[in-house]
């Protein structure tokens, strides 16, 4: 499928015409990979992978999206209500929150945050571990574990893949987190990583020859 054909499909979803649409390709870490500037090229030329994101930019100055109207909430007039009138309403979120301590069983802890969850997962991942990464069952070796200042908040795992199925050589947005051959490295969330040397056992190793 050409980039122009992709834009035509997106036009029917988002309303931005093909001629006014600019497409950018981002990986699962939020890093911009490329601008899909040539409508005649096939989408595969830009090497998209599972988990990548296409970002649509509307270039039409007369579009409702111009000036950030669909993104900047400060541009939208807000509905306001007096404190007295709000207190008289029933079924508000404030009244719902007031009932929560009564409904929560004693000793029950609040759900841990995603960041804490990822930190707990990292506790079982060590540099040098063999692993398998989803999607794609890509196998490799752990080269980095921790928070990455140039990426989104939370914990990350840097992996050197056995094959050139990665995105970089261990350097992301100008920061080097580890060293590996070009296109063998990736930074992924720990819940995408399974520790172990897959396949862990040859299913035929116990057979007599």
N, C-alpha and C. Protein backbone atom coordinates (compact mmCIF):
# COMPACT_ATOMS: atom_id res chain seq x y z
N UNK A 1 0.85 -1.19 0.00
CA UNK A 1 0.00 0.00 0.00
C UNK A 1 0.88 1.24 0.00
N UNK A 2 0.55 2.21 -0.86
CA UNK A 2 1.33 3.44 -0.92
C UNK A 2 0.96 4.36 0.25
N UNK A 3 1.84 5.34 0.50
CA UNK A 3 1.57 6.32 1.55
C UNK A 3 0.29 7.08 1.22
N UNK A 4 0.07 7.37 -0.06
CA UNK A 4 -1.15 8.08 -0.46
C UNK A 4 -2.39 7.26 -0.15
N UNK A 5 -2.32 5.93 -0.37
CA UNK A 5 -3.46 5.06 -0.07
C UNK A 5 -3.71 5.00 1.44
N UNK A 6 -2.64 5.03 2.23
CA UNK A 6 -2.79 5.06 3.69
C UNK A 6 -3.48 6.35 4.11
N UNK A 7 -3.07 7.48 3.52
CA UNK A 7 -3.70 8.76 3.84
C UNK A 7 -5.17 8.75 3.48
N UNK A 8 -5.51 8.10 2.35
CA UNK A 8 -6.91 8.03 1.94
C UNK A 8 -7.74 7.28 2.97
N UNK A 9 -7.19 6.20 3.53
CA UNK A 9 -7.90 5.46 4.58
C UNK A 9 -8.04 6.30 5.85
N UNK A 10 -6.97 7.03 6.21
CA UNK A 10 -7.01 7.85 7.41
C UNK A 10 -7.97 9.03 7.25
N UNK A 11 -8.08 9.55 6.01
CA UNK A 11 -9.00 10.67 5.75
C UNK A 11 -10.42 10.30 6.16
N UNK A 12 -10.82 9.05 5.91
CA UNK A 12 -12.17 8.62 6.24
C UNK A 12 -12.36 8.44 7.74
N UNK A 13 -11.25 8.38 8.48
CA UNK A 13 -11.33 8.22 9.94
C UNK A 13 -11.23 9.55 10.68
N UNK A 14 -10.33 10.43 10.20
CA UNK A 14 -10.05 11.65 10.96
C UNK A 14 -10.53 12.93 10.29
N UNK A 15 -10.92 12.84 9.01
CA UNK A 15 -11.48 14.02 8.34
C UNK A 15 -10.49 14.94 7.68
N UNK A 16 -9.20 14.68 7.84
CA UNK A 16 -8.18 15.50 7.19
C UNK A 16 -7.96 15.01 5.77
N UNK A 17 -8.09 15.91 4.79
CA UNK A 17 -7.96 15.50 3.39
C UNK A 17 -6.54 15.03 3.09
N UNK A 18 -6.42 14.23 2.05
CA UNK A 18 -5.13 13.67 1.66
C UNK A 18 -4.12 14.78 1.36
N UNK A 19 -4.57 15.82 0.65
CA UNK A 19 -3.66 16.90 0.26
C UNK A 19 -3.23 17.77 1.43
N UNK A 20 -3.99 17.72 2.53
CA UNK A 20 -3.66 18.54 3.70
C UNK A 20 -3.03 17.74 4.82
N UNK A 21 -2.73 16.48 4.54
CA UNK A 21 -2.28 15.58 5.59
C UNK A 21 -0.77 15.33 5.51
N UNK A 22 -0.11 15.46 6.66
CA UNK A 22 1.29 15.07 6.80
C UNK A 22 1.36 13.93 7.80
N UNK A 23 2.12 12.89 7.48
CA UNK A 23 2.22 11.72 8.36
C UNK A 23 3.63 11.60 8.93
N UNK A 24 3.69 11.28 10.23
CA UNK A 24 4.96 11.00 10.90
C UNK A 24 4.87 9.63 11.55
N UNK A 25 5.98 8.90 11.54
CA UNK A 25 6.03 7.55 12.11
C UNK A 25 6.82 7.57 13.41
N UNK A 26 6.20 7.06 14.50
CA UNK A 26 6.84 7.01 15.82
C UNK A 26 6.93 5.56 16.28
N UNK A 27 8.01 5.22 17.00
CA UNK A 27 8.13 3.87 17.54
C UNK A 27 7.42 3.77 18.88
N UNK A 28 7.47 2.58 19.51
CA UNK A 28 6.69 2.37 20.73
C UNK A 28 7.25 3.14 21.92
N UNK A 29 8.46 3.69 21.80
CA UNK A 29 9.01 4.52 22.88
C UNK A 29 8.62 5.98 22.74
N UNK A 30 7.96 6.32 21.65
CA UNK A 30 7.57 7.71 21.41
C UNK A 30 8.58 8.49 20.60
N UNK A 31 9.61 7.82 20.09
CA UNK A 31 10.63 8.50 19.28
C UNK A 31 10.18 8.57 17.82
N UNK A 32 10.35 9.75 17.20
CA UNK A 32 9.97 9.89 15.80
C UNK A 32 10.99 9.18 14.91
N UNK A 33 10.49 8.29 14.05
CA UNK A 33 11.37 7.52 13.16
C UNK A 33 11.57 8.26 11.85
N UNK A 34 10.48 8.75 11.25
CA UNK A 34 10.60 9.42 9.96
C UNK A 34 9.33 10.17 9.64
N UNK A 35 9.44 11.05 8.62
CA UNK A 35 8.28 11.75 8.06
C UNK A 35 7.95 11.08 6.73
N UNK A 36 6.69 10.66 6.55
CA UNK A 36 6.29 9.95 5.34
C UNK A 36 5.95 10.99 4.28
N UNK A 37 6.99 11.58 3.71
CA UNK A 37 6.83 12.75 2.85
C UNK A 37 6.56 12.40 1.39
N UNK A 38 6.84 11.18 0.98
CA UNK A 38 6.67 10.79 -0.42
C UNK A 38 5.42 9.93 -0.57
N UNK A 39 4.37 10.50 -1.16
CA UNK A 39 3.11 9.79 -1.30
C UNK A 39 3.20 8.57 -2.21
N UNK A 40 4.21 8.54 -3.09
CA UNK A 40 4.31 7.45 -4.07
C UNK A 40 5.01 6.22 -3.50
N UNK A 41 5.72 6.37 -2.41
CA UNK A 41 6.45 5.24 -1.84
C UNK A 41 5.49 4.30 -1.11
N UNK A 42 5.81 3.00 -1.10
CA UNK A 42 5.00 2.08 -0.29
C UNK A 42 5.25 2.34 1.20
N UNK A 43 4.25 2.06 2.01
CA UNK A 43 4.39 2.26 3.46
C UNK A 43 5.57 1.45 4.00
N UNK A 44 5.80 0.25 3.45
CA UNK A 44 6.88 -0.61 3.92
C UNK A 44 8.26 -0.02 3.74
N UNK A 45 8.40 0.99 2.87
CA UNK A 45 9.69 1.64 2.68
C UNK A 45 10.20 2.26 3.97
N UNK A 46 9.27 2.70 4.83
CA UNK A 46 9.64 3.37 6.08
C UNK A 46 9.78 2.38 7.24
N UNK A 47 9.67 1.07 6.96
CA UNK A 47 9.93 -0.01 7.92
C UNK A 47 9.11 0.10 9.20
N UNK A 48 7.78 0.20 9.10
CA UNK A 48 6.97 0.21 10.32
C UNK A 48 6.93 -1.18 10.96
N UNK A 49 6.87 -1.23 12.30
CA UNK A 49 6.77 -2.49 13.02
C UNK A 49 5.53 -2.47 13.91
N UNK A 50 5.15 -3.64 14.41
CA UNK A 50 4.03 -3.71 15.35
C UNK A 50 4.30 -2.81 16.54
N UNK A 51 3.30 -2.04 16.94
CA UNK A 51 3.47 -1.13 18.06
C UNK A 51 3.85 0.28 17.66
N UNK A 52 4.23 0.49 16.37
CA UNK A 52 4.54 1.85 15.91
C UNK A 52 3.25 2.66 15.76
N UNK A 53 3.38 3.98 15.71
CA UNK A 53 2.22 4.88 15.65
C UNK A 53 2.36 5.85 14.48
N UNK A 54 1.27 6.03 13.74
CA UNK A 54 1.20 7.04 12.70
C UNK A 54 0.56 8.29 13.29
N UNK A 55 1.25 9.41 13.20
CA UNK A 55 0.73 10.68 13.73
C UNK A 55 0.29 11.54 12.56
N UNK A 56 -0.97 11.98 12.59
CA UNK A 56 -1.53 12.79 11.51
C UNK A 56 -1.43 14.27 11.87
N UNK A 57 -0.88 15.06 10.97
CA UNK A 57 -0.81 16.51 11.13
C UNK A 57 -1.65 17.15 10.04
N UNK A 58 -2.62 18.00 10.44
CA UNK A 58 -3.49 18.69 9.50
C UNK A 58 -2.84 20.01 9.11
N UNK A 59 -2.49 20.16 7.83
CA UNK A 59 -1.80 21.35 7.35
C UNK A 59 -2.76 22.44 6.85
N UNK A 60 -4.06 22.16 6.86
CA UNK A 60 -5.05 23.11 6.36
C UNK A 60 -5.27 24.22 7.40
N UNK A 61 -4.90 25.47 7.09
CA UNK A 61 -5.05 26.55 8.09
C UNK A 61 -6.50 26.83 8.46
N UNK A 62 -7.44 26.39 7.61
CA UNK A 62 -8.86 26.62 7.89
C UNK A 62 -9.48 25.45 8.65
N UNK A 63 -8.69 24.43 8.96
CA UNK A 63 -9.22 23.25 9.63
C UNK A 63 -9.53 23.55 11.09
N UNK A 64 -10.48 22.79 11.64
CA UNK A 64 -10.83 22.95 13.06
C UNK A 64 -9.65 22.57 13.95
N UNK A 65 -8.68 21.80 13.42
CA UNK A 65 -7.53 21.39 14.22
C UNK A 65 -6.44 22.47 14.28
N UNK A 66 -6.54 23.49 13.42
CA UNK A 66 -5.49 24.50 13.38
C UNK A 66 -5.44 25.28 14.68
N UNK A 67 -4.23 25.63 15.09
CA UNK A 67 -4.07 26.39 16.32
C UNK A 67 -4.21 25.57 17.57
N UNK A 68 -4.28 24.24 17.43
CA UNK A 68 -4.34 23.37 18.60
C UNK A 68 -5.71 23.20 19.22
N UNK A 69 -6.78 23.47 18.46
CA UNK A 69 -8.13 23.44 19.04
C UNK A 69 -8.55 22.05 19.50
N UNK A 70 -7.96 21.01 18.96
CA UNK A 70 -8.31 19.66 19.40
C UNK A 70 -7.33 19.12 20.44
N UNK A 71 -6.31 19.91 20.81
CA UNK A 71 -5.30 19.44 21.73
C UNK A 71 -5.12 20.36 22.94
N UNK A 72 -5.23 21.66 22.74
CA UNK A 72 -5.00 22.63 23.82
C UNK A 72 -6.34 22.96 24.49
N UNK A 73 -6.58 22.38 25.64
CA UNK A 73 -7.86 22.58 26.32
C UNK A 73 -8.02 24.00 26.87
N UNK A 74 -6.91 24.76 26.96
CA UNK A 74 -7.02 26.12 27.45
C UNK A 74 -7.77 27.02 26.47
N UNK A 75 -7.90 26.57 25.21
CA UNK A 75 -8.60 27.36 24.21
C UNK A 75 -10.11 27.18 24.29
N UNK A 76 -10.54 26.21 25.05
CA UNK A 76 -11.97 25.88 25.12
C UNK A 76 -12.60 26.56 26.34
N UNK A 77 -13.74 27.21 26.13
CA UNK A 77 -14.44 27.85 27.23
C UNK A 77 -14.97 26.79 28.18
N UNK A 78 -14.70 26.95 29.45
CA UNK A 78 -15.06 25.94 30.45
C UNK A 78 -16.42 26.24 31.07
N UNK A 79 -17.15 25.16 31.36
CA UNK A 79 -18.39 25.29 32.11
C UNK A 79 -18.05 25.49 33.58
N UNK A 80 -18.69 26.47 34.22
CA UNK A 80 -18.41 26.74 35.62
C UNK A 80 -19.70 26.68 36.43
N UNK A 81 -19.57 26.36 37.70
CA UNK A 81 -20.71 26.30 38.60
C UNK A 81 -20.23 26.76 39.97
N UNK A 82 -21.10 27.46 40.68
CA UNK A 82 -20.71 27.96 42.00
C UNK A 82 -20.58 26.80 42.97
N UNK A 83 -19.79 27.03 44.02
CA UNK A 83 -19.57 26.01 45.04
C UNK A 83 -20.88 25.65 45.72
N UNK A 84 -21.71 26.64 45.96
CA UNK A 84 -22.99 26.39 46.64
C UNK A 84 -23.91 25.53 45.78
N UNK A 85 -23.97 25.85 44.48
CA UNK A 85 -24.82 25.07 43.58
C UNK A 85 -24.30 23.65 43.43
N UNK A 86 -22.97 23.49 43.42
CA UNK A 86 -22.40 22.15 43.27
C UNK A 86 -22.71 21.27 44.48
N UNK A 87 -22.67 21.87 45.67
CA UNK A 87 -22.95 21.12 46.89
C UNK A 87 -24.39 20.60 46.92
N UNK A 88 -25.30 21.32 46.26
CA UNK A 88 -26.70 20.91 46.26
C UNK A 88 -26.98 19.77 45.29
N UNK A 89 -26.07 19.53 44.36
CA UNK A 89 -26.27 18.46 43.38
C UNK A 89 -26.07 17.10 44.02
N UNK A 90 -26.81 16.12 43.54
CA UNK A 90 -26.62 14.74 43.98
C UNK A 90 -25.85 13.94 42.94
N UNK A 91 -25.17 12.91 43.39
CA UNK A 91 -24.45 12.04 42.46
C UNK A 91 -23.21 12.64 41.87
N UNK A 92 -22.62 13.62 42.54
CA UNK A 92 -21.39 14.22 42.03
C UNK A 92 -20.18 13.36 42.39
N UNK A 93 -19.07 13.63 41.71
CA UNK A 93 -17.86 12.88 41.98
C UNK A 93 -17.35 13.15 43.39
N UNK A 94 -17.55 14.37 43.88
CA UNK A 94 -17.12 14.70 45.24
C UNK A 94 -17.85 13.83 46.26
N UNK A 95 -19.15 13.69 46.10
CA UNK A 95 -19.92 12.87 47.04
C UNK A 95 -19.53 11.39 46.92
N UNK A 96 -19.20 10.98 45.69
CA UNK A 96 -18.75 9.60 45.50
C UNK A 96 -17.44 9.35 46.23
N UNK A 97 -16.50 10.31 46.18
CA UNK A 97 -15.21 10.14 46.85
C UNK A 97 -15.38 10.07 48.37
N UNK A 98 -16.37 10.81 48.88
CA UNK A 98 -16.59 10.81 50.33
C UNK A 98 -17.03 9.44 50.85
N UNK A 99 -17.62 8.62 49.98
CA UNK A 99 -18.09 7.30 50.39
C UNK A 99 -17.02 6.23 50.27
N UNK A 100 -15.91 6.53 49.59
CA UNK A 100 -14.89 5.51 49.34
C UNK A 100 -14.28 4.94 50.62
N UNK A 101 -13.89 5.73 51.61
CA UNK A 101 -13.30 5.14 52.82
C UNK A 101 -14.24 4.17 53.53
N UNK A 102 -15.55 4.39 53.38
CA UNK A 102 -16.51 3.51 54.03
C UNK A 102 -16.63 2.18 53.32
N UNK A 103 -16.42 2.19 52.00
CA UNK A 103 -16.58 0.98 51.21
C UNK A 103 -15.31 0.14 51.15
N UNK A 104 -14.16 0.74 51.40
CA UNK A 104 -12.90 0.04 51.26
C UNK A 104 -12.64 -0.85 52.49
N UNK A 105 -12.44 -2.15 52.28
CA UNK A 105 -12.19 -3.05 53.41
C UNK A 105 -10.94 -2.64 54.16
N UNK A 106 -10.91 -2.82 55.52
CA UNK A 106 -9.74 -2.44 56.33
C UNK A 106 -8.48 -3.15 55.85
N UNK A 107 -7.38 -2.42 55.78
CA UNK A 107 -6.10 -3.01 55.41
C UNK A 107 -5.87 -3.20 53.93
N UNK A 108 -6.90 -2.89 53.11
CA UNK A 108 -6.72 -3.10 51.67
C UNK A 108 -5.90 -1.96 51.11
N UNK A 109 -4.86 -2.29 50.39
CA UNK A 109 -3.98 -1.27 49.85
C UNK A 109 -4.49 -0.81 48.49
N UNK A 110 -4.21 0.42 48.18
CA UNK A 110 -4.58 0.94 46.88
C UNK A 110 -3.77 0.24 45.80
N UNK A 111 -4.33 0.23 44.62
CA UNK A 111 -3.65 -0.40 43.49
C UNK A 111 -2.33 0.32 43.22
N UNK A 112 -1.26 -0.43 43.05
CA UNK A 112 0.05 0.16 42.80
C UNK A 112 0.06 0.82 41.43
N UNK A 113 0.85 1.85 41.32
CA UNK A 113 0.92 2.59 40.06
C UNK A 113 1.65 1.77 39.01
N UNK A 114 1.42 2.17 37.74
CA UNK A 114 2.11 1.49 36.64
C UNK A 114 3.62 1.59 36.80
N UNK A 115 4.10 2.75 37.28
CA UNK A 115 5.54 2.93 37.43
C UNK A 115 6.10 1.99 38.48
N UNK A 116 5.39 1.81 39.60
CA UNK A 116 5.84 0.90 40.64
C UNK A 116 5.81 -0.53 40.13
N UNK A 117 4.76 -0.85 39.37
CA UNK A 117 4.65 -2.20 38.80
C UNK A 117 5.84 -2.51 37.91
N UNK A 118 6.19 -1.56 37.08
CA UNK A 118 7.32 -1.78 36.19
C UNK A 118 8.62 -1.87 36.96
N UNK A 119 8.73 -1.12 38.05
CA UNK A 119 9.93 -1.20 38.89
C UNK A 119 10.05 -2.59 39.50
N UNK A 120 8.92 -3.15 39.96
CA UNK A 120 8.94 -4.49 40.54
C UNK A 120 9.34 -5.53 39.50
N UNK A 121 8.87 -5.34 38.25
CA UNK A 121 9.26 -6.28 37.20
C UNK A 121 10.76 -6.22 36.94
N UNK A 122 11.32 -5.02 36.99
CA UNK A 122 12.76 -4.84 36.74
C UNK A 122 13.61 -5.52 37.81
N UNK A 123 13.05 -5.74 39.00
CA UNK A 123 13.81 -6.37 40.06
C UNK A 123 14.24 -7.79 39.69
N UNK A 124 13.52 -8.41 38.76
CA UNK A 124 13.83 -9.77 38.33
C UNK A 124 14.60 -9.81 37.01
N UNK A 125 15.03 -8.64 36.54
CA UNK A 125 15.76 -8.56 35.27
C UNK A 125 17.15 -8.01 35.53
N UNK A 126 18.18 -8.74 35.09
CA UNK A 126 19.56 -8.31 35.34
C UNK A 126 20.30 -8.18 34.02
N UNK A 127 21.25 -7.27 34.00
CA UNK A 127 22.10 -7.11 32.82
C UNK A 127 22.85 -8.41 32.56
N UNK A 128 22.81 -8.85 31.33
CA UNK A 128 23.44 -10.11 30.95
C UNK A 128 22.45 -11.25 30.79
N UNK A 129 21.22 -11.06 31.29
CA UNK A 129 20.19 -12.10 31.16
C UNK A 129 19.81 -12.30 29.69
N UNK A 130 19.60 -13.55 29.33
CA UNK A 130 19.02 -13.85 28.03
C UNK A 130 17.52 -13.61 28.12
N UNK A 131 16.88 -13.17 27.02
CA UNK A 131 15.47 -12.83 27.10
C UNK A 131 14.80 -12.96 25.74
N UNK A 132 13.48 -12.85 25.78
CA UNK A 132 12.66 -12.81 24.59
C UNK A 132 11.73 -11.61 24.71
N UNK A 133 11.60 -10.83 23.63
CA UNK A 133 10.85 -9.58 23.66
C UNK A 133 9.64 -9.67 22.74
N UNK A 134 8.51 -9.24 23.26
CA UNK A 134 7.29 -9.14 22.46
C UNK A 134 7.10 -7.68 22.02
N UNK A 135 6.44 -7.48 20.85
CA UNK A 135 5.95 -8.51 19.94
C UNK A 135 7.06 -9.06 19.06
N UNK A 136 6.82 -10.22 18.49
CA UNK A 136 7.74 -10.80 17.52
C UNK A 136 8.66 -11.88 18.04
N UNK A 137 8.60 -12.18 19.36
CA UNK A 137 9.45 -13.22 19.93
C UNK A 137 10.92 -13.00 19.56
N UNK A 138 11.35 -11.74 19.67
CA UNK A 138 12.74 -11.40 19.34
C UNK A 138 13.65 -11.73 20.52
N UNK A 139 14.72 -12.47 20.25
CA UNK A 139 15.60 -12.95 21.32
C UNK A 139 16.86 -12.10 21.39
N UNK A 140 17.35 -11.96 22.62
CA UNK A 140 18.56 -11.17 22.79
C UNK A 140 19.08 -11.21 24.21
N UNK A 141 19.89 -10.21 24.55
CA UNK A 141 20.54 -10.13 25.86
C UNK A 141 20.26 -8.77 26.49
N UNK A 142 19.93 -8.78 27.79
CA UNK A 142 19.66 -7.53 28.51
C UNK A 142 20.96 -6.74 28.67
N UNK A 143 20.92 -5.46 28.28
CA UNK A 143 22.10 -4.60 28.35
C UNK A 143 21.90 -3.38 29.25
N UNK A 144 20.65 -3.09 29.60
CA UNK A 144 20.36 -1.92 30.43
C UNK A 144 19.05 -2.16 31.18
N UNK A 145 19.01 -1.74 32.45
CA UNK A 145 17.78 -1.81 33.25
C UNK A 145 17.70 -0.54 34.09
N UNK A 146 16.59 0.19 34.00
CA UNK A 146 16.42 1.38 34.82
C UNK A 146 15.61 2.45 34.14
N UNK A 147 15.64 3.65 34.69
CA UNK A 147 14.93 4.77 34.11
C UNK A 147 15.81 5.45 33.07
N UNK A 148 15.18 5.95 32.02
CA UNK A 148 15.90 6.56 30.90
C UNK A 148 15.48 8.01 30.77
N UNK A 149 16.42 8.92 30.97
CA UNK A 149 16.09 10.35 31.05
C UNK A 149 15.59 10.91 29.73
N UNK A 150 15.94 10.30 28.60
CA UNK A 150 15.49 10.82 27.29
C UNK A 150 14.21 10.16 26.83
N UNK A 151 13.66 9.23 27.61
CA UNK A 151 12.43 8.55 27.23
C UNK A 151 11.32 8.90 28.22
N UNK A 152 10.16 8.33 28.01
CA UNK A 152 9.01 8.59 28.88
C UNK A 152 9.31 8.12 30.29
N UNK A 153 8.66 8.71 31.31
CA UNK A 153 8.90 8.30 32.69
C UNK A 153 8.62 6.82 32.91
N UNK A 154 9.28 6.26 33.91
CA UNK A 154 9.10 4.84 34.21
C UNK A 154 10.37 4.07 33.95
N UNK A 155 10.28 2.75 34.05
CA UNK A 155 11.45 1.89 33.92
C UNK A 155 11.50 1.24 32.54
N UNK A 156 12.73 1.08 32.05
CA UNK A 156 12.98 0.55 30.71
C UNK A 156 14.02 -0.56 30.77
N UNK A 157 13.98 -1.41 29.78
CA UNK A 157 14.98 -2.47 29.62
C UNK A 157 15.61 -2.32 28.24
N UNK A 158 16.95 -2.19 28.23
CA UNK A 158 17.67 -2.13 26.96
C UNK A 158 18.10 -3.52 26.55
N UNK A 159 17.81 -3.88 25.31
CA UNK A 159 18.09 -5.23 24.82
C UNK A 159 18.93 -5.18 23.56
N UNK A 160 19.94 -6.04 23.51
CA UNK A 160 20.69 -6.27 22.27
C UNK A 160 20.17 -7.54 21.64
N UNK A 161 19.51 -7.42 20.48
CA UNK A 161 18.93 -8.57 19.81
C UNK A 161 20.00 -9.39 19.09
N UNK A 162 19.71 -10.68 18.93
CA UNK A 162 20.65 -11.56 18.22
C UNK A 162 20.70 -11.23 16.73
N UNK A 163 19.62 -10.66 16.21
CA UNK A 163 19.52 -10.33 14.79
C UNK A 163 19.20 -8.84 14.65
N UNK A 164 19.41 -8.26 13.46
CA UNK A 164 19.16 -6.82 13.27
C UNK A 164 17.67 -6.49 13.18
N UNK A 165 16.95 -6.71 14.28
CA UNK A 165 15.51 -6.44 14.32
C UNK A 165 15.22 -5.28 15.28
N UNK A 166 16.27 -4.53 15.67
CA UNK A 166 16.10 -3.43 16.60
C UNK A 166 15.99 -2.10 15.88
N UNK A 167 16.31 -1.02 16.61
CA UNK A 167 16.14 0.32 16.05
C UNK A 167 17.42 1.16 16.11
N UNK A 168 18.38 0.77 16.92
CA UNK A 168 19.55 1.61 17.11
C UNK A 168 20.72 0.78 17.64
N UNK A 169 21.79 1.45 18.06
CA UNK A 169 22.98 0.77 18.57
C UNK A 169 23.16 0.99 20.07
N UNK A 170 22.06 1.31 20.75
CA UNK A 170 22.13 1.58 22.18
C UNK A 170 22.07 3.05 22.53
N UNK A 171 22.09 3.91 21.50
CA UNK A 171 21.97 5.35 21.72
C UNK A 171 20.56 5.80 21.34
N UNK A 172 19.86 6.50 22.26
CA UNK A 172 18.51 6.97 22.01
C UNK A 172 18.43 8.46 22.29
N UNK A 173 18.03 9.22 21.29
CA UNK A 173 17.87 10.67 21.41
C UNK A 173 19.13 11.32 21.98
N UNK A 174 20.29 10.92 21.47
CA UNK A 174 21.55 11.52 21.86
C UNK A 174 22.15 11.00 23.15
N UNK A 175 21.49 10.07 23.82
CA UNK A 175 21.99 9.50 25.07
C UNK A 175 22.33 8.03 24.86
N UNK A 176 23.57 7.65 25.22
CA UNK A 176 23.96 6.24 25.07
C UNK A 176 23.67 5.49 26.36
N UNK A 177 22.84 4.44 26.22
CA UNK A 177 22.48 3.61 27.37
C UNK A 177 23.26 2.29 27.38
N UNK A 178 23.68 1.83 26.21
CA UNK A 178 24.52 0.63 26.10
C UNK A 178 25.12 0.59 24.69
N UNK A 179 26.03 -0.34 24.47
CA UNK A 179 26.67 -0.49 23.16
C UNK A 179 26.25 -1.80 22.52
N UNK A 180 25.93 -1.73 21.23
CA UNK A 180 25.63 -2.93 20.46
C UNK A 180 25.73 -2.58 18.98
N UNK A 181 25.75 -3.59 18.09
CA UNK A 181 25.79 -3.28 16.66
C UNK A 181 24.55 -2.50 16.21
N UNK A 182 24.69 -1.77 15.12
CA UNK A 182 23.59 -0.99 14.59
C UNK A 182 22.37 -1.86 14.30
N UNK A 183 21.18 -1.34 14.64
CA UNK A 183 19.89 -2.02 14.41
C UNK A 183 19.73 -3.29 15.23
N UNK A 184 20.56 -3.48 16.24
CA UNK A 184 20.42 -4.64 17.14
C UNK A 184 19.86 -4.22 18.51
N UNK A 185 19.70 -2.91 18.75
CA UNK A 185 19.29 -2.46 20.07
C UNK A 185 17.88 -1.93 20.13
N UNK A 186 17.25 -2.01 21.31
CA UNK A 186 15.92 -1.45 21.54
C UNK A 186 15.73 -1.20 23.03
N UNK A 187 14.92 -0.20 23.33
CA UNK A 187 14.51 0.08 24.71
C UNK A 187 13.03 -0.28 24.81
N UNK A 188 12.69 -1.20 25.70
CA UNK A 188 11.32 -1.69 25.80
C UNK A 188 10.87 -1.66 27.26
N UNK A 189 9.57 -1.69 27.47
CA UNK A 189 9.03 -1.76 28.82
C UNK A 189 9.25 -3.17 29.38
N UNK A 190 9.49 -3.28 30.69
CA UNK A 190 9.81 -4.58 31.28
C UNK A 190 8.70 -5.62 31.14
N UNK A 191 7.43 -5.19 30.98
CA UNK A 191 6.37 -6.18 30.83
C UNK A 191 6.36 -6.81 29.45
N UNK A 192 7.22 -6.33 28.55
CA UNK A 192 7.37 -6.94 27.23
C UNK A 192 8.52 -7.94 27.19
N UNK A 193 9.22 -8.10 28.32
CA UNK A 193 10.43 -8.92 28.36
C UNK A 193 10.19 -10.19 29.17
N UNK A 194 10.53 -11.33 28.59
CA UNK A 194 10.51 -12.61 29.29
C UNK A 194 11.96 -13.09 29.44
N UNK A 195 12.37 -13.32 30.69
CA UNK A 195 13.75 -13.73 30.95
C UNK A 195 13.88 -15.24 30.72
N UNK A 196 14.96 -15.62 30.06
CA UNK A 196 15.22 -17.03 29.76
C UNK A 196 15.81 -17.14 28.37
N UNK A 197 16.53 -18.23 28.12
CA UNK A 197 17.12 -18.46 26.81
C UNK A 197 16.18 -19.34 26.02
N UNK A 198 15.38 -18.74 25.16
CA UNK A 198 14.35 -19.47 24.43
C UNK A 198 14.90 -20.02 23.12
N UNK A 199 14.48 -21.25 22.72
CA UNK A 199 13.74 -22.20 23.57
C UNK A 199 14.63 -22.71 24.70
N UNK A 200 14.06 -22.85 25.91
CA UNK A 200 14.86 -23.21 27.08
C UNK A 200 15.42 -24.63 26.98
N UNK A 201 14.74 -25.50 26.25
CA UNK A 201 15.20 -26.88 26.16
C UNK A 201 14.89 -27.43 24.79
N UNK A 202 15.85 -28.11 24.20
CA UNK A 202 15.62 -28.77 22.93
C UNK A 202 14.66 -29.93 23.14
N UNK A 203 13.48 -29.91 22.48
CA UNK A 203 12.50 -30.97 22.71
C UNK A 203 12.98 -32.35 22.30
N UNK A 204 14.10 -32.40 21.53
CA UNK A 204 14.58 -33.69 21.06
C UNK A 204 15.86 -34.14 21.77
N UNK A 205 16.33 -33.34 22.77
CA UNK A 205 17.63 -33.65 23.35
C UNK A 205 17.64 -34.98 24.12
N UNK A 206 16.48 -35.45 24.61
CA UNK A 206 16.44 -36.70 25.34
C UNK A 206 16.18 -37.91 24.44
N UNK A 207 16.02 -37.66 23.15
CA UNK A 207 15.78 -38.77 22.22
C UNK A 207 17.08 -39.50 21.95
N UNK A 208 16.99 -40.81 21.79
CA UNK A 208 18.17 -41.60 21.44
C UNK A 208 18.43 -41.47 19.94
N UNK A 209 19.71 -41.45 19.59
CA UNK A 209 20.09 -41.32 18.19
C UNK A 209 20.70 -42.64 17.71
